[in-house]
């Protein structure tokens, strides 16, 4: 499946939050994301991502292992995504290190997640704050087949407009890159 997704900077976080609260009940969660690469940086060079995410919220703690392949849509950065729950967080990290992967960066994301249906699709909208980065972001995504990416992105743009987001505020800036810059280094 392809994660068709658009991300934007939010100018009026309270207004966007109000509009999302009208659509669904928020799940407030804190993500601890650790990104891995091969020693030679070949995953990043291939526009791929390997991540262990630990999610803490009202429902407890869960850990998800994710691999994202290279983008199938350059404008949005939408990627094929493969994800699975893992029972033992430290074992997941140990397996990746044992396979020769190295930790590239770890940081936290403070998220309000909203699951809802729009335009006949299951969507997830997430209001995101990363303590090390100025501003609030919104991500809207849906899982689709490769032949549906373009129409799914059009549907996501429609939802963003309904949330009061201007298309000029869309961004491909990555949290990993922005956090690295804040820490005085660059990835890759």
C-alpha atoms as a PDB file:
ATOM      1  CA  UNK A   1       0.000   0.000   0.000  1.00  0.00           C
ATOM      2  CA  UNK A   2       1.017   3.595  -0.623  1.00  0.00           C
ATOM      3  CA  UNK A   3       0.742   6.165   2.138  1.00  0.00           C
ATOM      4  CA  UNK A   4      -0.672   9.111   0.182  1.00  0.00           C
ATOM      5  CA  UNK A   5       0.159  12.038   2.443  1.00  0.00           C
ATOM      6  CA  UNK A   6       0.458  15.795   2.454  1.00  0.00           C
ATOM      7  CA  UNK A   7       2.002  17.885   5.217  1.00  0.00           C
ATOM      8  CA  UNK A   8       1.598  21.591   5.845  1.00  0.00           C
ATOM      9  CA  UNK A   9       2.701  24.231   8.286  1.00  0.00           C
ATOM     10  CA  UNK A  10      -0.268  25.445  10.324  1.00  0.00           C
ATOM     11  CA  UNK A  11      -0.790  29.185  10.738  1.00  0.00           C
ATOM     12  CA  UNK A  12      -3.789  28.885  13.099  1.00  0.00           C
ATOM     13  CA  UNK A  13      -3.312  25.730  15.196  1.00  0.00           C
ATOM     14  CA  UNK A  14      -6.338  26.371  17.446  1.00  0.00           C
ATOM     15  CA  UNK A  15      -8.646  26.847  14.467  1.00  0.00           C
ATOM     16  CA  UNK A  16      -7.398  23.685  12.745  1.00  0.00           C
ATOM     17  CA  UNK A  17      -7.716  21.789  16.015  1.00  0.00           C
ATOM     18  CA  UNK A  18     -11.305  23.016  16.429  1.00  0.00           C
ATOM     19  CA  UNK A  19     -12.191  21.880  12.899  1.00  0.00           C
ATOM     20  CA  UNK A  20     -10.591  18.476  13.473  1.00  0.00           C
ATOM     21  CA  UNK A  21     -12.360  18.102  16.839  1.00  0.00           C
ATOM     22  CA  UNK A  22     -15.646  18.551  14.914  1.00  0.00           C
ATOM     23  CA  UNK A  23     -14.733  15.547  12.707  1.00  0.00           C
ATOM     24  CA  UNK A  24     -13.454  13.034  15.260  1.00  0.00           C
ATOM     25  CA  UNK A  25     -12.214  12.439  18.790  1.00  0.00           C
ATOM     26  CA  UNK A  26      -8.493  13.118  19.153  1.00  0.00           C
ATOM     27  CA  UNK A  27      -5.997  10.501  20.291  1.00  0.00           C
ATOM     28  CA  UNK A  28      -3.241  12.420  22.081  1.00  0.00           C
ATOM     29  CA  UNK A  29       0.043  10.544  21.755  1.00  0.00           C
ATOM     30  CA  UNK A  30       3.781  11.105  22.024  1.00  0.00           C
ATOM     31  CA  UNK A  31       5.953   9.346  19.464  1.00  0.00           C
ATOM     32  CA  UNK A  32       9.587   8.520  20.068  1.00  0.00           C
ATOM     33  CA  UNK A  33      11.015   7.943  16.595  1.00  0.00           C
ATOM     34  CA  UNK A  34      14.401   6.364  15.959  1.00  0.00           C
ATOM     35  CA  UNK A  35      15.572   6.296  12.353  1.00  0.00           C
ATOM     36  CA  UNK A  36      18.178   3.828  11.122  1.00  0.00           C
ATOM     37  CA  UNK A  37      20.340   3.597   8.023  1.00  0.00           C
ATOM     38  CA  UNK A  38      23.138   1.456   6.728  1.00  0.00           C
ATOM     39  CA  UNK A  39      26.636   2.639   7.597  1.00  0.00           C
ATOM     40  CA  UNK A  40      27.086   3.925   4.033  1.00  0.00           C
ATOM     41  CA  UNK A  41      23.862   5.972   4.204  1.00  0.00           C
ATOM     42  CA  UNK A  42      22.376   4.017   1.319  1.00  0.00           C
ATOM     43  CA  UNK A  43      18.810   4.032   2.657  1.00  0.00           C
ATOM     44  CA  UNK A  44      18.699   7.829   2.722  1.00  0.00           C
ATOM     45  CA  UNK A  45      20.396   8.001  -0.688  1.00  0.00           C
ATOM     46  CA  UNK A  46      17.636   5.729  -2.043  1.00  0.00           C
ATOM     47  CA  UNK A  47      14.927   7.897  -0.366  1.00  0.00           C
ATOM     48  CA  UNK A  48      14.032   5.011   1.955  1.00  0.00           C
ATOM     49  CA  UNK A  49      13.292   5.102   5.683  1.00  0.00           C
ATOM     50  CA  UNK A  50      13.675   2.522   8.443  1.00  0.00           C
ATOM     51  CA  UNK A  51      12.118   3.522  11.758  1.00  0.00           C
ATOM     52  CA  UNK A  52      11.262   2.198  15.200  1.00  0.00           C
ATOM     53  CA  UNK A  53       8.421   4.256  16.703  1.00  0.00           C
ATOM     54  CA  UNK A  54       7.301   3.926  20.307  1.00  0.00           C
ATOM     55  CA  UNK A  55       3.877   5.486  20.882  1.00  0.00           C
ATOM     56  CA  UNK A  56       2.684   6.519  24.346  1.00  0.00           C
ATOM     57  CA  UNK A  57      -0.947   7.471  24.826  1.00  0.00           C
ATOM     58  CA  UNK A  58      -4.061   6.908  26.915  1.00  0.00           C
ATOM     59  CA  UNK A  59      -4.338   3.354  25.515  1.00  0.00           C
ATOM     60  CA  UNK A  60      -0.838   2.414  26.711  1.00  0.00           C
ATOM     61  CA  UNK A  61       2.445   1.941  24.892  1.00  0.00           C
ATOM     62  CA  UNK A  62       3.015   0.263  21.545  1.00  0.00           C
ATOM     63  CA  UNK A  63       6.005  -0.009  19.228  1.00  0.00           C
ATOM     64  CA  UNK A  64       5.862  -0.099  15.450  1.00  0.00           C
ATOM     65  CA  UNK A  65       8.622  -1.061  13.001  1.00  0.00           C
ATOM     66  CA  UNK A  66       8.261   0.779   9.689  1.00  0.00           C
ATOM     67  CA  UNK A  67      10.004   0.653   6.313  1.00  0.00           C
ATOM     68  CA  UNK A  68       9.127   3.278   3.719  1.00  0.00           C
ATOM     69  CA  UNK A  69      10.333   2.718   0.166  1.00  0.00           C
ATOM     70  CA  UNK A  70      11.242   5.549  -2.203  1.00  0.00           C
ATOM     71  CA  UNK A  71       8.585   8.106  -3.154  1.00  0.00           C
ATOM     72  CA  UNK A  72       6.139   7.280  -5.932  1.00  0.00           C
ATOM     73  CA  UNK A  73       4.974  10.904  -6.135  1.00  0.00           C
ATOM     74  CA  UNK A  74       7.694  13.545  -6.066  1.00  0.00           C
ATOM     75  CA  UNK A  75       5.444  16.520  -5.272  1.00  0.00           C
ATOM     76  CA  UNK A  76       3.990  14.969  -2.119  1.00  0.00           C
ATOM     77  CA  UNK A  77       6.689  12.454  -1.190  1.00  0.00           C
ATOM     78  CA  UNK A  78       4.040   9.715  -0.879  1.00  0.00           C
ATOM     79  CA  UNK A  79       5.714   6.336  -0.350  1.00  0.00           C
ATOM     80  CA  UNK A  80       4.957   2.626  -0.133  1.00  0.00           C
ATOM     81  CA  UNK A  81       4.844   1.797   3.565  1.00  0.00           C
ATOM     82  CA  UNK A  82       5.326  -1.510   5.381  1.00  0.00           C
ATOM     83  CA  UNK A  83       4.571  -1.510   9.084  1.00  0.00           C
ATOM     84  CA  UNK A  84       4.186  -4.036  11.895  1.00  0.00           C
ATOM     85  CA  UNK A  85       3.717  -3.976  15.644  1.00  0.00           C
ATOM     86  CA  UNK A  86       6.608  -5.354  17.679  1.00  0.00           C
ATOM     87  CA  UNK A  87       6.287  -6.875  21.141  1.00  0.00           C
ATOM     88  CA  UNK A  88       9.752  -5.963  22.408  1.00  0.00           C
ATOM     89  CA  UNK A  89      11.093  -2.491  21.636  1.00  0.00           C
ATOM     90  CA  UNK A  90      14.662  -3.207  22.727  1.00  0.00           C
ATOM     91  CA  UNK A  91      14.714  -6.413  20.674  1.00  0.00           C
ATOM     92  CA  UNK A  92      13.630  -4.458  17.583  1.00  0.00           C
ATOM     93  CA  UNK A  93      16.489  -1.986  18.103  1.00  0.00           C
ATOM     94  CA  UNK A  94      18.888  -4.883  18.757  1.00  0.00           C
ATOM     95  CA  UNK A  95      17.857  -6.703  15.589  1.00  0.00           C
ATOM     96  CA  UNK A  96      18.393  -3.619  13.436  1.00  0.00           C
ATOM     97  CA  UNK A  97      21.808  -2.963  15.004  1.00  0.00           C
ATOM     98  CA  UNK A  98      22.688  -6.642  14.676  1.00  0.00           C
ATOM     99  CA  UNK A  99      21.894  -6.461  10.971  1.00  0.00           C
ATOM    100  CA  UNK A 100      24.419  -3.629  10.642  1.00  0.00           C
ATOM    101  CA  UNK A 101      22.081  -0.647  10.724  1.00  0.00           C
ATOM    102  CA  UNK A 102      23.115   2.438  12.676  1.00  0.00           C
ATOM    103  CA  UNK A 103      20.948   4.938  14.505  1.00  0.00           C
ATOM    104  CA  UNK A 104      20.773   8.171  12.538  1.00  0.00           C
ATOM    105  CA  UNK A 105      18.514  10.295  14.732  1.00  0.00           C
ATOM    106  CA  UNK A 106      15.977   9.992  17.555  1.00  0.00           C
ATOM    107  CA  UNK A 107      13.406  12.621  18.522  1.00  0.00           C
ATOM    108  CA  UNK A 108       9.894  13.087  19.913  1.00  0.00           C
ATOM    109  CA  UNK A 109       6.709  14.163  18.155  1.00  0.00           C
ATOM    110  CA  UNK A 110       3.696  15.360  20.157  1.00  0.00           C
ATOM    111  CA  UNK A 111       0.614  14.343  18.170  1.00  0.00           C
ATOM    112  CA  UNK A 112      -3.167  14.718  18.134  1.00  0.00           C
ATOM    113  CA  UNK A 113      -4.447  12.004  15.794  1.00  0.00           C
ATOM    114  CA  UNK A 114      -7.885  12.090  14.197  1.00  0.00           C
ATOM    115  CA  UNK A 115      -9.322   9.097  12.313  1.00  0.00           C
ATOM    116  CA  UNK A 116     -12.297   9.930  10.086  1.00  0.00           C
ATOM    117  CA  UNK A 117     -13.882   9.283   6.716  1.00  0.00           C
ATOM    118  CA  UNK A 118     -13.848  11.939   3.997  1.00  0.00           C
ATOM    119  CA  UNK A 119     -14.562  11.670   0.289  1.00  0.00           C
ATOM    120  CA  UNK A 120     -15.190   7.949   0.689  1.00  0.00           C
ATOM    121  CA  UNK A 121     -11.759   7.286   2.216  1.00  0.00           C
ATOM    122  CA  UNK A 122     -10.451   6.457   5.670  1.00  0.00           C
ATOM    123  CA  UNK A 123      -8.169   9.349   6.580  1.00  0.00           C
ATOM    124  CA  UNK A 124      -5.816  10.122   9.402  1.00  0.00           C
ATOM    125  CA  UNK A 125      -5.089  13.745  10.233  1.00  0.00           C
ATOM    126  CA  UNK A 126      -2.354  14.487  12.734  1.00  0.00           C
ATOM    127  CA  UNK A 127      -1.528  17.810  14.355  1.00  0.00           C
ATOM    128  CA  UNK A 128       2.192  17.629  15.132  1.00  0.00           C
ATOM    129  CA  UNK A 129       4.531  19.573  17.375  1.00  0.00           C
ATOM    130  CA  UNK A 130       8.177  18.606  17.540  1.00  0.00           C
ATOM    131  CA  UNK A 131       9.720  20.308  20.589  1.00  0.00           C
ATOM    132  CA  UNK A 132      12.941  21.027  18.708  1.00  0.00           C
ATOM    133  CA  UNK A 133      11.203  22.693  15.737  1.00  0.00           C
ATOM    134  CA  UNK A 134       9.238  25.940  15.688  1.00  0.00           C
ATOM    135  CA  UNK A 135       5.623  25.714  14.627  1.00  0.00           C
ATOM    136  CA  UNK A 136       2.801  23.240  14.280  1.00  0.00           C
ATOM    137  CA  UNK A 137       2.255  20.940  11.327  1.00  0.00           C
ATOM    138  CA  UNK A 138      -0.711  18.980  10.035  1.00  0.00           C
ATOM    139  CA  UNK A 139      -0.388  15.730   8.133  1.00  0.00           C
ATOM    140  CA  UNK A 140      -3.319  14.138   6.328  1.00  0.00           C
ATOM    141  CA  UNK A 141      -2.908  10.649   4.899  1.00  0.00           C
ATOM    142  CA  UNK A 142      -4.751   7.662   3.512  1.00  0.00           C
ATOM    143  CA  UNK A 143      -3.569   4.234   2.353  1.00  0.00           C
ATOM    144  CA  UNK A 144      -4.204   3.480  -1.321  1.00  0.00           C
ATOM    145  CA  UNK A 145      -3.052   1.384  -4.234  1.00  0.00           C
ATOM    146  CA  UNK A 146      -0.436   2.891  -6.554  1.00  0.00           C
ATOM    147  CA  UNK A 147      -3.064   3.671  -9.213  1.00  0.00           C
ATOM    148  CA  UNK A 148      -5.047   5.788  -6.702  1.00  0.00           C
ATOM    149  CA  UNK A 149      -2.292   8.109  -5.442  1.00  0.00           C
ATOM    150  CA  UNK A 150      -3.192  11.097  -7.606  1.00  0.00           C
ATOM    151  CA  UNK A 151      -6.925  11.046  -6.798  1.00  0.00           C
ATOM    152  CA  UNK A 152      -6.203  10.372  -3.115  1.00  0.00           C
ATOM    153  CA  UNK A 153      -3.913  13.403  -2.984  1.00  0.00           C
ATOM    154  CA  UNK A 154      -6.670  15.515  -4.564  1.00  0.00           C
ATOM    155  CA  UNK A 155      -9.037  14.282  -1.832  1.00  0.00           C
ATOM    156  CA  UNK A 156      -6.457  15.139   0.835  1.00  0.00           C
ATOM    157  CA  UNK A 157      -6.039  18.639  -0.625  1.00  0.00           C
ATOM    158  CA  UNK A 158      -9.811  19.072  -0.322  1.00  0.00           C
ATOM    159  CA  UNK A 159      -9.694  18.075   3.353  1.00  0.00           C
ATOM    160  CA  UNK A 160      -6.805  20.466   3.986  1.00  0.00           C
ATOM    161  CA  UNK A 161      -8.785  23.330   2.433  1.00  0.00           C
ATOM    162  CA  UNK A 162     -11.736  22.430   4.692  1.00  0.00           C
ATOM    163  CA  UNK A 163      -9.355  22.649   7.659  1.00  0.00           C
ATOM    164  CA  UNK A 164      -8.318  26.162   6.619  1.00  0.00           C
ATOM    165  CA  UNK A 165      -4.905  25.195   5.236  1.00  0.00           C
ATOM    166  CA  UNK A 166      -3.596  27.120   2.239  1.00  0.00           C
ATOM    167  CA  UNK A 167      -1.832  25.130  -0.471  1.00  0.00           C
ATOM    168  CA  UNK A 168       1.095  27.569  -0.208  1.00  0.00           C
ATOM    169  CA  UNK A 169       1.715  26.130   3.286  1.00  0.00           C
ATOM    170  CA  UNK A 170       2.338  22.583   2.029  1.00  0.00           C
ATOM    171  CA  UNK A 171       5.865  21.400   2.803  1.00  0.00           C
ATOM    172  CA  UNK A 172       8.129  18.460   2.012  1.00  0.00           C
ATOM    173  CA  UNK A 173      10.429  19.459   4.899  1.00  0.00           C
ATOM    174  CA  UNK A 174      11.174  16.379   6.989  1.00  0.00           C
ATOM    175  CA  UNK A 175      11.159  16.312  10.761  1.00  0.00           C
ATOM    176  CA  UNK A 176      14.417  14.348  10.687  1.00  0.00           C
ATOM    177  CA  UNK A 177      16.129  17.017   8.609  1.00  0.00           C
ATOM    178  CA  UNK A 178      14.746  19.906  10.660  1.00  0.00           C
ATOM    179  CA  UNK A 179      15.756  18.290  13.967  1.00  0.00           C
ATOM    180  CA  UNK A 180      19.245  17.566  12.614  1.00  0.00           C
ATOM    181  CA  UNK A 181      19.633  21.223  11.620  1.00  0.00           C
ATOM    182  CA  UNK A 182      18.512  22.329  15.102  1.00  0.00           C
ATOM    183  CA  UNK A 183      21.149  20.021  16.574  1.00  0.00           C
ATOM    184  CA  UNK A 184      23.804  21.601  14.360  1.00  0.00           C
ATOM    185  CA  UNK A 185      24.361  18.686  12.018  1.00  0.00           C
ATOM    186  CA  UNK A 186      23.010  17.330   8.792  1.00  0.00           C
ATOM    187  CA  UNK A 187      21.862  13.861   7.870  1.00  0.00           C
ATOM    188  CA  UNK A 188      23.553  11.758   5.226  1.00  0.00           C
END
